[in-house]
Protein backbone atom coordinates (compact mmCIF):
# COMPACT_ATOMS: atom_id res chain seq x y z
CA MET A 1 83.09 31.68 16.37
CA TRP A 2 82.55 34.33 19.04
CA LYS A 3 84.38 36.92 21.11
CA ILE A 4 83.98 38.16 24.64
CA PRO A 5 82.65 41.76 24.77
CA GLY A 6 85.45 44.03 23.65
CA GLY A 7 87.93 41.19 23.76
CA ALA A 8 89.57 38.40 21.84
CA GLN A 9 88.01 35.54 19.95
CA ILE A 10 87.78 32.65 22.44
CA GLY A 11 85.69 29.83 20.97
CA GLY A 12 83.16 28.55 18.51
CA VAL A 13 80.09 26.39 18.01
CA MET A 14 79.56 23.80 15.28
CA ALA A 15 77.20 20.97 14.42
CA LEU A 16 78.25 17.62 15.88
CA PRO A 17 80.10 15.82 13.05
CA GLU A 18 78.43 12.72 11.66
CA GLN A 19 81.51 10.66 12.47
CA ALA A 20 81.22 11.67 16.13
CA ARG A 21 77.49 10.86 16.12
CA ALA A 22 78.25 7.43 14.69
CA MET A 23 80.68 6.82 17.56
CA GLY A 24 77.93 7.68 20.07
CA ALA A 25 79.24 11.11 21.08
CA PRO A 26 76.56 13.43 22.52
CA PRO A 27 76.70 17.25 22.21
CA HIS A 28 79.62 18.39 24.33
CA TRP A 29 82.32 20.99 24.86
CA VAL A 30 85.85 20.29 23.57
CA GLY A 31 88.68 22.31 25.07
CA ASN A 32 91.56 23.39 22.84
CA LEU A 33 94.95 22.90 24.46
CA CYS A 34 97.51 25.13 22.70
CA VAL A 35 100.80 23.37 21.99
CA GLU A 36 104.00 24.26 20.15
CA SER A 37 103.69 21.28 17.80
CA CYS A 38 100.42 19.47 17.21
CA ASP A 39 102.09 16.40 15.72
CA ALA A 40 104.56 16.09 18.61
CA ALA A 41 101.75 16.51 21.15
CA VAL A 42 99.71 13.80 19.43
CA ALA A 43 102.68 11.43 19.51
CA LYS A 44 103.23 12.08 23.22
CA THR A 45 99.52 11.56 23.96
CA VAL A 46 99.58 8.17 22.23
CA ALA A 47 102.80 7.23 24.05
CA HIS A 48 100.98 7.83 27.35
CA GLY A 49 98.09 5.56 26.35
CA GLY A 50 95.84 8.10 24.62
CA ARG A 51 94.04 7.70 21.29
CA VAL A 52 93.64 9.81 18.16
CA LEU A 53 89.96 10.51 17.46
CA MET A 54 90.51 12.96 14.58
CA PRO A 55 93.92 13.13 12.88
CA ALA A 56 95.76 16.43 12.75
CA SER A 57 94.66 18.77 9.97
CA ASP A 58 95.38 22.35 8.95
CA MET A 59 92.87 25.19 8.84
CA PRO A 60 94.18 28.26 6.99
CA GLY A 61 94.40 31.29 9.26
CA VAL A 62 93.70 29.19 12.36
CA GLY A 63 96.35 26.51 12.75
CA ARG A 64 96.77 22.75 13.02
CA THR A 65 94.44 20.74 15.26
CA ALA A 66 93.86 17.12 16.27
CA ILE A 67 91.21 15.69 18.58
CA VAL A 68 92.40 13.05 21.00
CA ALA A 69 91.29 11.05 24.03
CA ASP A 70 93.76 11.05 26.90
CA CYS A 71 94.96 7.95 28.76
CA CYS A 72 91.61 7.61 30.58
CA GLY A 73 89.34 8.64 27.71
CA ALA A 74 88.79 12.36 28.35
CA THR A 75 88.45 14.19 25.04
CA LEU A 76 90.24 17.37 24.05
CA ALA A 77 91.77 19.10 21.03
CA LEU A 78 95.49 19.72 20.61
CA HIS A 79 95.85 23.03 18.81
CA GLN A 80 98.97 24.53 17.22
CA PRO A 81 97.91 28.12 16.51
CA GLU A 82 98.99 29.81 13.29
CA ASN A 83 99.15 33.17 15.05
CA LEU A 84 99.05 34.32 18.65
CA ALA A 85 97.26 31.80 20.85
CA PRO A 86 94.05 32.87 22.61
CA GLY A 87 93.95 32.93 26.37
CA HIS A 88 94.78 35.22 29.26
CA GLU A 89 97.34 35.94 31.93
CA GLY A 90 96.18 36.00 35.54
CA GLN A 91 92.50 36.38 36.44
CA ALA A 92 90.04 35.57 33.69
CA THR A 93 87.70 38.33 32.59
CA PHE A 94 83.94 37.84 32.40
CA GLY A 95 83.00 35.43 29.62
CA GLU A 96 86.31 33.57 29.63
CA VAL A 97 87.06 30.10 30.98
CA SER A 98 88.36 30.68 34.50
CA TRP A 99 88.96 27.04 35.54
CA SER A 100 89.39 23.70 33.78
CA GLU A 101 88.62 20.54 35.74
CA LEU A 102 89.43 16.95 34.85
CA MET A 103 87.58 14.00 36.38
CA THR A 104 89.75 10.99 35.63
CA ASP A 105 90.15 7.30 36.46
CA ASN A 106 93.90 7.63 37.02
CA LEU A 107 95.08 10.92 38.48
CA GLU A 108 98.82 10.21 38.34
CA SER A 109 98.73 8.91 34.76
CA ALA A 110 96.69 11.92 33.62
CA MET A 111 99.05 14.39 35.31
CA ALA A 112 102.05 12.66 33.74
CA LEU A 113 100.46 12.88 30.28
CA TYR A 114 99.60 16.58 30.49
CA SER A 115 102.97 17.42 32.03
CA ASP A 116 104.71 15.79 29.06
CA VAL A 117 102.33 17.13 26.40
CA ALA A 118 101.86 20.68 27.68
CA GLY A 119 104.41 21.26 30.42
CA TRP A 120 101.82 21.56 33.18
CA VAL A 121 103.08 21.50 36.77
CA LYS A 122 101.47 20.38 40.02
CA GLY A 123 100.18 23.00 42.41
CA ASP A 124 98.60 22.50 45.81
CA ALA A 125 96.47 19.43 46.51
CA MET A 126 93.32 19.43 48.64
CA ASP A 127 92.31 16.32 50.58
CA MET A 128 88.74 15.27 49.73
CA GLY A 129 88.58 12.25 52.01
CA GLU A 130 87.35 9.08 50.30
CA MET A 131 87.53 10.86 46.92
CA GLY A 132 91.26 11.33 47.35
CA PRO A 133 93.18 14.50 46.48
CA TYR A 134 92.01 17.40 44.35
CA GLN A 135 95.23 18.15 42.47
CA MET A 136 95.53 21.70 41.17
CA PHE A 137 97.89 22.49 38.29
CA GLY A 138 99.58 25.44 36.64
CA VAL A 139 100.49 26.11 33.02
CA SER A 140 104.25 26.03 33.61
CA ALA A 141 106.94 26.48 36.24
CA ALA A 142 107.56 29.98 34.85
CA ARG A 143 104.00 31.20 35.49
CA GLU A 144 102.58 31.62 38.96
CA GLY A 145 99.09 30.50 39.92
CA THR A 146 96.83 27.60 39.03
CA VAL A 147 94.40 27.31 36.12
CA GLY A 148 92.64 24.03 36.87
CA GLY A 149 92.34 20.88 38.90
CA MET A 150 92.18 17.12 38.55
CA MET A 151 90.28 14.64 40.70
CA LYS A 152 89.14 11.02 40.79
CA ARG A 153 86.03 10.48 38.68
CA PRO A 154 83.00 10.14 40.98
CA PRO A 155 80.63 7.18 40.39
CA MET A 156 77.80 9.37 39.06
CA VAL A 157 79.99 10.63 36.19
CA PRO A 158 79.94 7.92 33.48
CA VAL A 159 83.28 8.67 31.79
CA SER A 160 86.47 10.62 32.38
CA CYS A 161 85.90 14.15 31.13
CA TRP A 162 86.85 17.81 31.25
CA THR A 163 84.52 20.49 32.64
CA TYR A 164 85.04 24.16 31.79
CA TYR A 165 84.01 26.96 34.15
CA PHE A 166 82.82 30.19 32.53
CA TYR A 167 83.41 33.33 34.60
CA VAL A 168 80.27 35.47 35.03
CA ALA A 169 79.57 38.76 36.81
CA ASP A 170 76.40 37.52 38.57
CA LEU A 171 76.15 33.77 39.14
CA ASP A 172 72.48 33.74 40.14
CA ALA A 173 71.51 35.80 37.09
CA ALA A 174 73.54 33.53 34.80
CA ILE A 175 71.88 30.40 36.23
CA ALA A 176 68.46 32.01 35.76
CA ALA A 177 69.30 32.89 32.15
CA ALA A 178 70.52 29.35 31.46
CA THR A 179 67.41 27.68 32.90
CA ALA A 180 65.11 30.17 31.17
CA ASN A 181 66.65 29.08 27.87
CA GLY A 182 66.15 25.35 28.47
CA GLY A 183 69.23 24.53 30.52
CA HIS A 184 69.23 22.51 33.74
CA LEU A 185 70.99 23.15 37.03
CA LEU A 186 72.81 19.98 38.08
CA HIS A 187 74.63 21.08 41.22
CA GLY A 188 75.13 24.23 43.25
CA PRO A 189 75.64 27.07 43.66
CA THR A 190 78.47 25.97 45.94
CA PRO A 191 80.90 28.28 47.80
CA ILE A 192 84.58 27.86 46.97
CA PRO A 193 87.74 29.21 48.66
CA GLY A 194 88.18 32.91 47.96
CA GLY A 195 84.55 33.93 48.34
CA ASP A 196 83.23 32.98 44.89
CA ARG A 197 80.67 30.28 44.03
CA VAL A 198 80.33 27.69 41.27
CA ALA A 199 77.46 25.76 39.70
CA ASN A 200 77.29 22.83 37.28
CA LEU A 201 74.71 22.91 34.50
CA MET A 202 73.60 21.17 31.32
CA ASP A 203 72.44 22.99 28.22
CA PRO A 204 69.22 22.05 26.34
CA GLN A 205 71.09 19.55 24.12
CA GLY A 206 72.86 17.82 27.01
CA ALA A 207 76.27 19.50 26.93
CA ALA A 208 77.61 19.92 30.47
CA PHE A 209 79.35 23.10 31.60
CA ALA A 210 79.97 25.10 34.77
CA LEU A 211 79.68 28.71 35.88
CA HIS A 212 81.92 30.63 38.27
CA GLY A 213 81.08 33.96 39.87
CA LYS A 214 79.88 35.85 42.91
């Protein structure tokens, strides 16, 4: 597990489980979606056409977690924290995930699932022409702002999946550090509304991720 400098514990790294290898899973990032009840969230996911990949289990001092595939196959963990959940209010600080993006085969079905499981609400939508809308979403009706977006899976992406954007102080320096350590730049840097830029990369073992910064 690791922390951001001077901040909270936000994630961890582990060897790919043998069961996942046997199922053909490559190295990848798994986002943890904090929920009030892991078992209830799993049941709702299945009711919306999702699948359980790893049944819910308890980890002392951490909480209860299950790994699932949503209605279109995108993988994530449903996490019921034992103590205060990690995360942030408002703008992410450097080192945190600033944006979560879902590429899915069925935008409406995916939004319905996450609305039921986590209470997410639709934000603004941006027209992307032939690709359809880019649907932004917020954590709840009680919290202002958006934390991620959903879009139709483009043909070059083989499966529905989540991409997590890590917020960095200097995007060019972060890309240079990633490539110097065996990573590969896949796309970008690309300007986004608000004056920032983003880039999509792959680490040396093939795990995809994205960077967000100036």
